[in-house]
Amino acid sequence: MIRRILFALAATASIPAIVGPQPAHAQTASAPAATIQTGRISVQVIGKGSPVILIPGLSSPRAVWDGVAPELARGHSVYLVQVNGFGGEDPRGNLQPGILDGIVADLHALIGERKLAGVPVVGHSMGGLVALMLARAHPGDAGKLLIVDALPFVGSAFFPGSTVASVTPQAGAMRAQMAGMYGKPVPAGVAASIAATNALKPLSREKVAAWVGAADMRVAGQAMYEDLTTDLRPDLAKIATPITVLAPWTAERGEAQVLAFYKSEYAGAPGVTIEGVGDSGHFIMLDQPEAFGAALAAFLAK
C-alpha cells in the first residue's frame, strides 16, 4: 500500500518517486478513436457506449489500464487519461506548479465539452486523489468514483497523525531530489526497489520498474509534492458522489487492519464503500487483474 511506497522511496537514498508506472505510447486497444491534448493531460478515447474516465497515478502512463481497457471498450467510450510528462511524453504545462488543480480543471472542461456530466471516474493512487478533487470542486461531473488504493491525505500512510505542515519539509526535499534526476537514467537498483514496494508479482514489478524511468522527474517531483501536501479529509463530508475504495492487503498487513485504516481515513465521506483485495500490492490491476476486473465491472454495473 501507499505507506510502503513512501517509506521505500525515502529509504532509497535519493529518488522518491512514490508511485509507479507506464510506458510511453501504450496502445490499450486497437486503433484509439481520438486523442485530446490539453496543457496538463492527454486523453485517448476508445470504444463506443456509455462513457467512463480512467486516471492513472504518479508517473503512470495510461497503459496501466491495458488489462481492462479493451474489454471496457466493447460497451463503453473509454477516456484514458495520461498526465503530460509521464510515459515519456512532453510535459507541456506541467513544468509549472499547480499540476493537480490543472488536471482537475482540464477534466472539468473535457466533461463539459463532451457532455459527460455524471460520468463514472476511476482513479489509481494520485489519480484517485484527483478524482476526489474533481468531485469536490465540480459535484455534477462524476456520477460515482472508484478509488484504487488512494487516500484523501497520503501523509497518514507516511506518518500516522501527520499533517500537511509536518510533511511539507520532507515533501519539498523529495521534490528537489527527484527534479535533480532529470536527464539522468534512474539506477536499475532504485527502479527495482520502487517496483518491489509497489507490486508483489514478478511481472508486475518488471512493468513498474520499466515505467519509473519513463516519467519526467521534474513533473513527478512536483506532482508528488502536491499529492503529499493535499488533505481532503476536512472536505469529504461535502462530497455526495458515491465512492468505492479498493484497498490491497497482504499476509503482512491483514485485511482487517487495512480496512480499519481506510475506513478511518474516509470516515467523513457520506457515501463510501471500502473493499479489500487480497494478495496485492499497490498496483491492484497488475497483481490481481481478475479481481480488479470483477470489481470494476461491479462498480460500473451499480
C-alpha atoms as a PDB file:
ATOM      1  CA  MET A   1       0.000   0.000   0.000  1.00  0.00           C
ATOM      2  CA  ILE A   2       0.927   3.649  -0.153  1.00  0.00           C
ATOM      3  CA  ARG A   3       2.771   3.665   3.177  1.00  0.00           C
ATOM      4  CA  ARG A   4       5.286   1.080   1.935  1.00  0.00           C
ATOM      5  CA  ILE A   5       5.829   3.149  -1.197  1.00  0.00           C
ATOM      6  CA  LEU A   6       6.687   6.298   0.691  1.00  0.00           C
ATOM      7  CA  PHE A   7       8.954   4.593   3.193  1.00  0.00           C
ATOM      8  CA  ALA A   8      10.773   2.751   0.437  1.00  0.00           C
ATOM      9  CA  LEU A   9      11.307   5.914  -1.520  1.00  0.00           C
ATOM     10  CA  ALA A  10      12.599   7.772   1.485  1.00  0.00           C
ATOM     11  CA  ALA A  11      14.995   4.893   2.098  1.00  0.00           C
ATOM     12  CA  THR A  12      16.323   4.589  -1.443  1.00  0.00           C
ATOM     13  CA  ALA A  13      18.856   7.285  -0.705  1.00  0.00           C
ATOM     14  CA  SER A  14      17.821   9.543  -3.365  1.00  0.00           C
ATOM     15  CA  ILE A  15      14.863   9.089  -5.517  1.00  0.00           C
ATOM     16  CA  PRO A  16      11.438   9.171  -4.099  1.00  0.00           C
ATOM     17  CA  ALA A  17       9.000   8.606  -6.903  1.00  0.00           C
ATOM     18  CA  ILE A  18       6.098   7.488  -4.767  1.00  0.00           C
ATOM     19  CA  VAL A  19       4.047   5.501  -7.127  1.00  0.00           C
ATOM     20  CA  GLY A  20       4.808   3.973 -10.376  1.00  0.00           C
ATOM     21  CA  PRO A  21       4.167   3.113 -13.838  1.00  0.00           C
ATOM     22  CA  GLN A  22       3.583   3.074 -17.506  1.00  0.00           C
ATOM     23  CA  PRO A  23       5.356   3.016 -20.718  1.00  0.00           C
ATOM     24  CA  ALA A  24       5.169   5.600 -23.407  1.00  0.00           C
ATOM     25  CA  HIS A  25       2.754   5.344 -26.294  1.00  0.00           C
ATOM     26  CA  ALA A  26       0.919   2.344 -24.898  1.00  0.00           C
ATOM     27  CA  GLN A  27      -1.862   1.051 -27.121  1.00  0.00           C
ATOM     28  CA  THR A  28      -4.647  -0.102 -24.820  1.00  0.00           C
ATOM     29  CA  ALA A  29      -6.988  -1.148 -27.597  1.00  0.00           C
ATOM     30  CA  SER A  30      -6.793  -1.466 -31.339  1.00  0.00           C
ATOM     31  CA  ALA A  31      -6.926   1.927 -33.009  1.00  0.00           C
ATOM     32  CA  PRO A  32      -7.731   4.641 -30.475  1.00  0.00           C
ATOM     33  CA  ALA A  33     -10.568   6.741 -31.869  1.00  0.00           C
ATOM     34  CA  ALA A  34      -9.189  10.097 -30.830  1.00  0.00           C
ATOM     35  CA  THR A  35      -6.540  11.832 -28.746  1.00  0.00           C
ATOM     36  CA  ILE A  36      -7.358  15.026 -26.882  1.00  0.00           C
ATOM     37  CA  GLN A  37      -4.415  17.192 -25.824  1.00  0.00           C
ATOM     38  CA  THR A  38      -4.565  19.881 -23.138  1.00  0.00           C
ATOM     39  CA  GLY A  39      -1.932  21.722 -21.164  1.00  0.00           C
ATOM     40  CA  ARG A  40      -1.941  19.223 -18.296  1.00  0.00           C
ATOM     41  CA  ILE A  41      -3.166  15.926 -19.755  1.00  0.00           C
ATOM     42  CA  SER A  42      -3.710  13.947 -22.915  1.00  0.00           C
ATOM     43  CA  VAL A  43      -6.725  11.688 -23.282  1.00  0.00           C
ATOM     44  CA  GLN A  44      -7.181   8.769 -25.669  1.00  0.00           C
ATOM     45  CA  VAL A  45     -10.783   7.831 -26.403  1.00  0.00           C
ATOM     46  CA  ILE A  46     -11.548   4.261 -27.426  1.00  0.00           C
ATOM     47  CA  GLY A  47     -14.728   2.256 -27.889  1.00  0.00           C
ATOM     48  CA  LYS A  48     -18.380   3.258 -28.038  1.00  0.00           C
ATOM     49  CA  GLY A  49     -21.139   3.374 -25.485  1.00  0.00           C
ATOM     50  CA  SER A  50     -21.629   4.910 -22.058  1.00  0.00           C
ATOM     51  CA  PRO A  51     -18.543   6.887 -21.004  1.00  0.00           C
ATOM     52  CA  VAL A  52     -16.032   6.114 -18.260  1.00  0.00           C
ATOM     53  CA  ILE A  53     -12.879   8.050 -17.335  1.00  0.00           C
ATOM     54  CA  LEU A  54      -9.715   6.269 -16.118  1.00  0.00           C
ATOM     55  CA  ILE A  55      -6.935   8.263 -14.413  1.00  0.00           C
ATOM     56  CA  PRO A  56      -3.559   6.637 -13.622  1.00  0.00           C
ATOM     57  CA  GLY A  57      -1.299   7.504 -10.705  1.00  0.00           C
ATOM     58  CA  LEU A  58       2.015   9.262 -10.188  1.00  0.00           C
ATOM     59  CA  SER A  59       4.469   8.624 -13.044  1.00  0.00           C
ATOM     60  CA  SER A  60       1.970   6.215 -14.574  1.00  0.00           C
ATOM     61  CA  PRO A  61       1.044   6.196 -18.227  1.00  0.00           C
ATOM     62  CA  ARG A  62      -2.415   5.247 -19.407  1.00  0.00           C
ATOM     63  CA  ALA A  63      -1.107   1.764 -20.175  1.00  0.00           C
ATOM     64  CA  VAL A  64      -1.698   0.895 -16.525  1.00  0.00           C
ATOM     65  CA  TRP A  65      -5.248   0.137 -17.696  1.00  0.00           C
ATOM     66  CA  ASP A  66      -4.184  -2.178 -20.546  1.00  0.00           C
ATOM     67  CA  GLY A  67      -5.646  -5.192 -18.772  1.00  0.00           C
ATOM     68  CA  VAL A  68      -9.178  -3.781 -18.721  1.00  0.00           C
ATOM     69  CA  ALA A  69      -9.423  -1.129 -21.434  1.00  0.00           C
ATOM     70  CA  PRO A  70     -10.025  -3.395 -24.461  1.00  0.00           C
ATOM     71  CA  GLU A  71     -12.899  -5.199 -22.759  1.00  0.00           C
ATOM     72  CA  LEU A  72     -14.353  -1.931 -21.466  1.00  0.00           C
ATOM     73  CA  ALA A  73     -14.257  -0.510 -24.972  1.00  0.00           C
ATOM     74  CA  ARG A  74     -16.735  -3.161 -26.142  1.00  0.00           C
ATOM     75  CA  GLY A  75     -19.547  -1.361 -24.372  1.00  0.00           C
ATOM     76  CA  HIS A  76     -18.140   1.998 -23.262  1.00  0.00           C
ATOM     77  CA  SER A  77     -16.479   5.114 -24.572  1.00  0.00           C
ATOM     78  CA  VAL A  78     -13.303   4.847 -22.514  1.00  0.00           C
ATOM     79  CA  TYR A  79     -11.424   8.069 -21.756  1.00  0.00           C
ATOM     80  CA  LEU A  80      -7.830   7.087 -20.932  1.00  0.00           C
ATOM     81  CA  VAL A  81      -6.068   9.952 -19.205  1.00  0.00           C
ATOM     82  CA  GLN A  82      -2.311  10.467 -19.090  1.00  0.00           C
ATOM     83  CA  VAL A  83      -0.586  13.287 -17.240  1.00  0.00           C
ATOM     84  CA  ASN A  84       1.719  15.281 -19.503  1.00  0.00           C
ATOM     85  CA  GLY A  85       5.314  14.391 -18.674  1.00  0.00           C
ATOM     86  CA  PHE A  86       4.556  10.772 -17.809  1.00  0.00           C
ATOM     87  CA  GLY A  87       5.044   7.855 -20.182  1.00  0.00           C
ATOM     88  CA  GLY A  88       7.880   9.698 -21.916  1.00  0.00           C
ATOM     89  CA  GLU A  89       5.582  12.422 -23.238  1.00  0.00           C
ATOM     90  CA  ASP A  90       6.151  16.192 -23.421  1.00  0.00           C
ATOM     91  CA  PRO A  91       5.480  17.808 -20.011  1.00  0.00           C
ATOM     92  CA  ARG A  92       3.856  20.860 -21.586  1.00  0.00           C
ATOM     93  CA  GLY A  93       2.210  22.943 -18.858  1.00  0.00           C
ATOM     94  CA  ASN A  94       3.239  20.574 -16.081  1.00  0.00           C
ATOM     95  CA  LEU A  95       6.631  22.218 -15.689  1.00  0.00           C
ATOM     96  CA  GLN A  96       4.669  24.819 -13.724  1.00  0.00           C
ATOM     97  CA  PRO A  97       3.210  24.207 -10.241  1.00  0.00           C
ATOM     98  CA  GLY A  98      -0.497  23.549  -9.823  1.00  0.00           C
ATOM     99  CA  ILE A  99      -0.428  20.196 -11.606  1.00  0.00           C
ATOM    100  CA  LEU A 100      -3.268  18.566  -9.676  1.00  0.00           C
ATOM    101  CA  ASP A 101      -5.551  21.603  -9.825  1.00  0.00           C
ATOM    102  CA  GLY A 102      -4.706  21.904 -13.514  1.00  0.00           C
ATOM    103  CA  ILE A 103      -5.662  18.293 -14.173  1.00  0.00           C
ATOM    104  CA  VAL A 104      -8.970  18.848 -12.398  1.00  0.00           C
ATOM    105  CA  ALA A 105      -9.620  21.977 -14.465  1.00  0.00           C
ATOM    106  CA  ASP A 106      -8.800  20.186 -17.725  1.00  0.00           C
ATOM    107  CA  LEU A 107     -11.027  17.233 -16.817  1.00  0.00           C
ATOM    108  CA  HIS A 108     -13.867  19.597 -15.930  1.00  0.00           C
ATOM    109  CA  ALA A 109     -13.506  21.317 -19.300  1.00  0.00           C
ATOM    110  CA  LEU A 110     -13.423  17.942 -21.091  1.00  0.00           C
ATOM    111  CA  ILE A 111     -16.548  16.751 -19.281  1.00  0.00           C
ATOM    112  CA  GLY A 112     -18.334  19.935 -20.235  1.00  0.00           C
ATOM    113  CA  GLU A 113     -17.249  19.901 -23.868  1.00  0.00           C
ATOM    114  CA  ARG A 114     -18.091  16.210 -24.346  1.00  0.00           C
ATOM    115  CA  LYS A 115     -21.329  16.446 -22.303  1.00  0.00           C
ATOM    116  CA  LEU A 116     -20.152  13.729 -19.918  1.00  0.00           C
ATOM    117  CA  ALA A 117     -21.760  15.042 -16.721  1.00  0.00           C
ATOM    118  CA  GLY A 118     -22.379  12.168 -14.312  1.00  0.00           C
ATOM    119  CA  VAL A 119     -19.624  10.010 -15.822  1.00  0.00           C
ATOM    120  CA  PRO A 120     -18.084   7.220 -13.695  1.00  0.00           C
ATOM    121  CA  VAL A 121     -14.480   8.076 -12.827  1.00  0.00           C
ATOM    122  CA  VAL A 122     -11.797   5.540 -11.899  1.00  0.00           C
ATOM    123  CA  GLY A 123      -8.550   6.763 -10.351  1.00  0.00           C
ATOM    124  CA  HIS A 124      -5.471   4.914  -9.135  1.00  0.00           C
ATOM    125  CA  SER A 125      -3.240   6.377  -6.414  1.00  0.00           C
ATOM    126  CA  MET A 126      -2.633  10.049  -7.271  1.00  0.00           C
ATOM    127  CA  GLY A 127      -5.343   9.625  -9.912  1.00  0.00           C
ATOM    128  CA  GLY A 128      -7.701   8.656  -7.102  1.00  0.00           C
ATOM    129  CA  LEU A 129      -6.887  11.873  -5.271  1.00  0.00           C
ATOM    130  CA  VAL A 130      -7.565  13.791  -8.491  1.00  0.00           C
ATOM    131  CA  ALA A 131     -10.945  12.039  -8.795  1.00  0.00           C
ATOM    132  CA  LEU A 132     -11.827  13.110  -5.256  1.00  0.00           C
ATOM    133  CA  MET A 133     -10.712  16.667  -6.022  1.00  0.00           C
ATOM    134  CA  LEU A 134     -12.897  16.690  -9.139  1.00  0.00           C
ATOM    135  CA  ALA A 135     -15.944  15.527  -7.165  1.00  0.00           C
ATOM    136  CA  ARG A 136     -15.298  18.164  -4.523  1.00  0.00           C
ATOM    137  CA  ALA A 137     -14.803  21.046  -6.958  1.00  0.00           C
ATOM    138  CA  HIS A 138     -17.452  20.069  -9.512  1.00  0.00           C
ATOM    139  CA  PRO A 139     -20.162  17.920  -7.892  1.00  0.00           C
ATOM    140  CA  GLY A 140     -22.051  17.234 -11.123  1.00  0.00           C
ATOM    141  CA  ASP A 141     -19.071  15.993 -13.131  1.00  0.00           C
ATOM    142  CA  ALA A 142     -18.620  12.498 -11.698  1.00  0.00           C
ATOM    143  CA  GLY A 143     -21.596  10.234 -11.106  1.00  0.00           C
ATOM    144  CA  LYS A 144     -19.548   7.826  -8.978  1.00  0.00           C
ATOM    145  CA  LEU A 145     -15.909   7.206  -8.107  1.00  0.00           C
ATOM    146  CA  LEU A 146     -13.794   4.044  -7.996  1.00  0.00           C
ATOM    147  CA  ILE A 147     -10.676   4.891  -5.987  1.00  0.00           C
ATOM    148  CA  VAL A 148      -7.900   2.316  -6.401  1.00  0.00           C
ATOM    149  CA  ASP A 149      -5.601   2.413  -3.362  1.00  0.00           C
ATOM    150  CA  ALA A 150      -5.631   6.150  -2.695  1.00  0.00           C
ATOM    151  CA  LEU A 151      -6.235   8.213   0.416  1.00  0.00           C
ATOM    152  CA  PRO A 152      -7.690  11.688   0.929  1.00  0.00           C
ATOM    153  CA  PHE A 153      -4.387  12.520   2.685  1.00  0.00           C
ATOM    154  CA  VAL A 154      -1.447  10.297   1.814  1.00  0.00           C
ATOM    155  CA  GLY A 155       0.531  11.718   4.715  1.00  0.00           C
ATOM    156  CA  SER A 156      -1.472   9.464   7.019  1.00  0.00           C
ATOM    157  CA  ALA A 157       0.149   6.480   5.334  1.00  0.00           C
ATOM    158  CA  PHE A 158       3.580   8.072   5.588  1.00  0.00           C
ATOM    159  CA  PHE A 159       3.428   9.014   9.272  1.00  0.00           C
ATOM    160  CA  PRO A 160       0.342   8.330  11.401  1.00  0.00           C
ATOM    161  CA  GLY A 161      -1.006  11.539  12.848  1.00  0.00           C
ATOM    162  CA  SER A 162       0.893  13.727  10.404  1.00  0.00           C
ATOM    163  CA  THR A 163      -0.411  16.973   8.958  1.00  0.00           C
ATOM    164  CA  VAL A 164       0.265  18.930   5.799  1.00  0.00           C
ATOM    165  CA  ALA A 165       2.569  21.191   7.798  1.00  0.00           C
ATOM    166  CA  SER A 166       4.554  18.288   9.231  1.00  0.00           C
ATOM    167  CA  VAL A 167       5.114  16.523   5.874  1.00  0.00           C
ATOM    168  CA  THR A 168       5.812  19.643   3.795  1.00  0.00           C
ATOM    169  CA  PRO A 169       9.563  19.889   4.559  1.00  0.00           C
ATOM    170  CA  GLN A 170      10.191  16.272   3.617  1.00  0.00           C
ATOM    171  CA  ALA A 171       7.954  16.567   0.559  1.00  0.00           C
ATOM    172  CA  GLY A 172       9.996  19.572  -0.556  1.00  0.00           C
ATOM    173  CA  ALA A 173      13.259  17.692  -0.116  1.00  0.00           C
ATOM    174  CA  MET A 174      11.937  14.730  -2.079  1.00  0.00           C
ATOM    175  CA  ARG A 175      10.756  17.039  -4.858  1.00  0.00           C
ATOM    176  CA  ALA A 176      14.235  18.554  -5.116  1.00  0.00           C
ATOM    177  CA  GLN A 177      15.876  15.112  -5.208  1.00  0.00           C
ATOM    178  CA  MET A 178      13.590  13.959  -7.978  1.00  0.00           C
ATOM    179  CA  ALA A 179      13.992  17.120 -10.040  1.00  0.00           C
ATOM    180  CA  GLY A 180      17.760  16.686  -9.719  1.00  0.00           C
ATOM    181  CA  MET A 181      17.452  13.359 -11.506  1.00  0.00           C
ATOM    182  CA  TYR A 182      16.065  14.918 -14.661  1.00  0.00           C
ATOM    183  CA  GLY A 183      18.086  13.933 -17.696  1.00  0.00           C
ATOM    184  CA  LYS A 184      19.767  11.014 -15.925  1.00  0.00           C
ATOM    185  CA  PRO A 185      18.768   7.356 -16.124  1.00  0.00           C
ATOM    186  CA  VAL A 186      17.111   6.005 -12.996  1.00  0.00           C
ATOM    187  CA  PRO A 187      19.560   3.487 -11.488  1.00  0.00           C
ATOM    188  CA  ALA A 188      18.339  -0.059 -12.014  1.00  0.00           C
ATOM    189  CA  GLY A 189      18.562  -0.815  -8.317  1.00  0.00           C
ATOM    190  CA  VAL A 190      16.401   2.150  -7.420  1.00  0.00           C
ATOM    191  CA  ALA A 191      13.783   1.265 -10.044  1.00  0.00           C
ATOM    192  CA  ALA A 192      13.738  -2.313  -8.789  1.00  0.00           C
ATOM    193  CA  SER A 193      13.343  -1.144  -5.183  1.00  0.00           C
ATOM    194  CA  ILE A 194      10.459   1.127  -6.086  1.00  0.00           C
ATOM    195  CA  ALA A 195       8.843  -1.683  -8.079  1.00  0.00           C
ATOM    196  CA  ALA A 196       9.202  -4.094  -5.178  1.00  0.00           C
ATOM    197  CA  THR A 197       7.315  -1.728  -2.848  1.00  0.00           C
ATOM    198  CA  ASN A 198       4.549  -1.131  -5.383  1.00  0.00           C
ATOM    199  CA  ALA A 199       3.779  -4.624  -6.626  1.00  0.00           C
ATOM    200  CA  LEU A 200       4.012  -8.241  -5.465  1.00  0.00           C
ATOM    201  CA  LYS A 201       4.151 -10.294  -8.655  1.00  0.00           C
ATOM    202  CA  PRO A 202       7.377 -10.554 -10.690  1.00  0.00           C
ATOM    203  CA  LEU A 203       5.752  -9.485 -13.973  1.00  0.00           C
ATOM    204  CA  SER A 204       4.045  -6.569 -12.234  1.00  0.00           C
ATOM    205  CA  ARG A 205       7.398  -5.449 -10.843  1.00  0.00           C
ATOM    206  CA  GLU A 206       9.007  -5.622 -14.264  1.00  0.00           C
ATOM    207  CA  LYS A 207       6.376  -3.291 -15.662  1.00  0.00           C
ATOM    208  CA  VAL A 208       6.617  -0.853 -12.773  1.00  0.00           C
ATOM    209  CA  ALA A 209      10.415  -0.739 -12.951  1.00  0.00           C
ATOM    210  CA  ALA A 210      10.251  -0.005 -16.676  1.00  0.00           C
ATOM    211  CA  TRP A 211       7.659   2.733 -16.184  1.00  0.00           C
ATOM    212  CA  VAL A 212       9.534   4.555 -13.427  1.00  0.00           C
ATOM    213  CA  GLY A 213      12.264   5.631 -15.829  1.00  0.00           C
ATOM    214  CA  ALA A 214       9.859   6.929 -18.467  1.00  0.00           C
ATOM    215  CA  ALA A 215       8.495   9.805 -16.377  1.00  0.00           C
ATOM    216  CA  ASP A 216       9.881  13.340 -16.446  1.00  0.00           C
ATOM    217  CA  MET A 217      11.320  13.595 -12.923  1.00  0.00           C
ATOM    218  CA  ARG A 218      10.586  17.319 -12.752  1.00  0.00           C
ATOM    219  CA  VAL A 219       6.890  16.647 -13.257  1.00  0.00           C
ATOM    220  CA  ALA A 220       6.904  13.583 -10.996  1.00  0.00           C
ATOM    221  CA  GLY A 221       8.593  15.530  -8.213  1.00  0.00           C
ATOM    222  CA  GLN A 222       6.146  18.421  -8.331  1.00  0.00           C
ATOM    223  CA  ALA A 223       3.127  16.135  -8.640  1.00  0.00           C
ATOM    224  CA  MET A 224       4.359  14.076  -5.684  1.00  0.00           C
ATOM    225  CA  TYR A 225       4.832  17.252  -3.626  1.00  0.00           C
ATOM    226  CA  GLU A 226       1.279  18.379  -4.384  1.00  0.00           C
ATOM    227  CA  ASP A 227      -0.081  14.902  -3.623  1.00  0.00           C
ATOM    228  CA  LEU A 228       1.669  14.782  -0.246  1.00  0.00           C
ATOM    229  CA  THR A 229       0.569  18.293   0.724  1.00  0.00           C
ATOM    230  CA  THR A 230      -3.110  17.907  -0.158  1.00  0.00           C
ATOM    231  CA  ASP A 231      -5.522  16.933   2.624  1.00  0.00           C
ATOM    232  CA  LEU A 232      -9.122  16.403   1.522  1.00  0.00           C
ATOM    233  CA  ARG A 233     -10.336  14.873   4.777  1.00  0.00           C
ATOM    234  CA  PRO A 234     -11.962  18.109   6.002  1.00  0.00           C
ATOM    235  CA  ASP A 235     -13.945  18.280   2.732  1.00  0.00           C
ATOM    236  CA  LEU A 236     -15.098  14.670   2.500  1.00  0.00           C
ATOM    237  CA  ALA A 237     -18.466  15.488   4.052  1.00  0.00           C
ATOM    238  CA  LYS A 238     -19.114  17.816   1.112  1.00  0.00           C
ATOM    239  CA  ILE A 239     -18.602  15.054  -1.472  1.00  0.00           C
ATOM    240  CA  ALA A 240     -22.010  13.495  -2.098  1.00  0.00           C
ATOM    241  CA  THR A 241     -20.717  11.431  -5.033  1.00  0.00           C
ATOM    242  CA  PRO A 242     -20.771   7.687  -4.190  1.00  0.00           C
ATOM    243  CA  ILE A 243     -17.235   6.420  -3.563  1.00  0.00           C
ATOM    244  CA  THR A 244     -15.917   2.868  -3.759  1.00  0.00           C
ATOM    245  CA  VAL A 245     -12.360   2.345  -2.500  1.00  0.00           C
ATOM    246  CA  LEU A 246     -10.249  -0.717  -3.326  1.00  0.00           C
ATOM    247  CA  ALA A 247      -7.617  -1.361  -0.652  1.00  0.00           C
ATOM    248  CA  PRO A 248      -4.920  -4.018  -1.148  1.00  0.00           C
ATOM    249  CA  TRP A 249      -3.887  -6.254   1.732  1.00  0.00           C
ATOM    250  CA  THR A 250      -1.312  -8.972   2.264  1.00  0.00           C
ATOM    251  CA  ALA A 251      -0.399 -11.552   4.881  1.00  0.00           C
ATOM    252  CA  GLU A 252       1.938  -8.947   6.354  1.00  0.00           C
ATOM    253  CA  ARG A 253      -0.854  -6.408   6.760  1.00  0.00           C
ATOM    254  CA  GLY A 254      -4.085  -8.327   7.098  1.00  0.00           C
ATOM    255  CA  GLU A 255      -7.445  -7.402   5.683  1.00  0.00           C
ATOM    256  CA  ALA A 256      -8.995  -6.309   8.987  1.00  0.00           C
ATOM    257  CA  GLN A 257      -6.112  -3.965   9.777  1.00  0.00           C
ATOM    258  CA  VAL A 258      -6.055  -2.437   6.301  1.00  0.00           C
ATOM    259  CA  LEU A 259      -9.816  -1.942   6.068  1.00  0.00           C
ATOM    260  CA  ALA A 260      -9.924  -0.351   9.532  1.00  0.00           C
ATOM    261  CA  PHE A 261      -7.265   2.151   8.470  1.00  0.00           C
ATOM    262  CA  TYR A 262      -9.013   3.066   5.223  1.00  0.00           C
ATOM    263  CA  LYS A 263     -12.376   3.373   6.934  1.00  0.00           C
ATOM    264  CA  SER A 264     -10.891   5.784   9.455  1.00  0.00           C
ATOM    265  CA  GLU A 265      -9.354   7.930   6.713  1.00  0.00           C
ATOM    266  CA  TYR A 266     -12.618   8.067   4.734  1.00  0.00           C
ATOM    267  CA  ALA A 267     -14.813   8.417   7.818  1.00  0.00           C
ATOM    268  CA  GLY A 268     -16.096  11.844   6.777  1.00  0.00           C
ATOM    269  CA  ALA A 269     -17.414  10.701   3.389  1.00  0.00           C
ATOM    270  CA  PRO A 270     -21.199  10.174   3.458  1.00  0.00           C
ATOM    271  CA  GLY A 271     -21.350   7.550   0.687  1.00  0.00           C
ATOM    272  CA  VAL A 272     -18.193   5.427   0.807  1.00  0.00           C
ATOM    273  CA  THR A 273     -17.673   1.669   0.498  1.00  0.00           C
ATOM    274  CA  ILE A 274     -14.282   0.122   1.302  1.00  0.00           C
ATOM    275  CA  GLU A 275     -13.436  -3.205  -0.345  1.00  0.00           C
ATOM    276  CA  GLY A 276     -10.291  -5.240   0.265  1.00  0.00           C
ATOM    277  CA  VAL A 277      -8.292  -7.040  -2.421  1.00  0.00           C
ATOM    278  CA  GLY A 278      -6.013  -9.728  -1.032  1.00  0.00           C
ATOM    279  CA  ASP A 279      -2.521 -10.785  -2.084  1.00  0.00           C
ATOM    280  CA  SER A 280      -1.907  -7.499  -3.845  1.00  0.00           C
ATOM    281  CA  GLY A 281       0.454  -4.584  -3.785  1.00  0.00           C
ATOM    282  CA  HIS A 282      -0.362  -1.003  -4.687  1.00  0.00           C
ATOM    283  CA  PHE A 283      -0.937  -1.871  -8.352  1.00  0.00           C
ATOM    284  CA  ILE A 284      -4.024  -3.999  -7.873  1.00  0.00           C
ATOM    285  CA  MET A 285      -4.757  -4.071 -11.605  1.00  0.00           C
ATOM    286  CA  LEU A 286      -1.354  -5.722 -12.183  1.00  0.00           C
ATOM    287  CA  ASP A 287      -1.111  -8.051  -9.198  1.00  0.00           C
ATOM    288  CA  GLN A 288      -4.747  -9.183  -9.199  1.00  0.00           C
ATOM    289  CA  PRO A 289      -6.125  -8.464 -12.695  1.00  0.00           C
ATOM    290  CA  GLU A 290      -9.122 -10.804 -12.403  1.00  0.00           C
ATOM    291  CA  ALA A 291     -10.191  -9.395  -9.034  1.00  0.00           C
ATOM    292  CA  PHE A 292      -9.710  -5.866 -10.313  1.00  0.00           C
ATOM    293  CA  GLY A 293     -11.671  -6.555 -13.485  1.00  0.00           C
ATOM    294  CA  ALA A 294     -14.530  -8.001 -11.461  1.00  0.00           C
ATOM    295  CA  ALA A 295     -14.531  -5.029  -9.080  1.00  0.00           C
ATOM    296  CA  LEU A 296     -14.528  -2.593 -11.997  1.00  0.00           C
ATOM    297  CA  ALA A 297     -17.407  -4.422 -13.711  1.00  0.00           C
ATOM    298  CA  ALA A 298     -19.420  -4.438 -10.469  1.00  0.00           C
ATOM    299  CA  PHE A 299     -18.725  -0.721  -9.969  1.00  0.00           C
ATOM    300  CA  LEU A 300     -19.916   0.169 -13.453  1.00  0.00           C
ATOM    301  CA  ALA A 301     -22.994  -2.033 -13.103  1.00  0.00           C
ATOM    302  CA  LYS A 302     -24.186  -0.235  -9.946  1.00  0.00           C
END
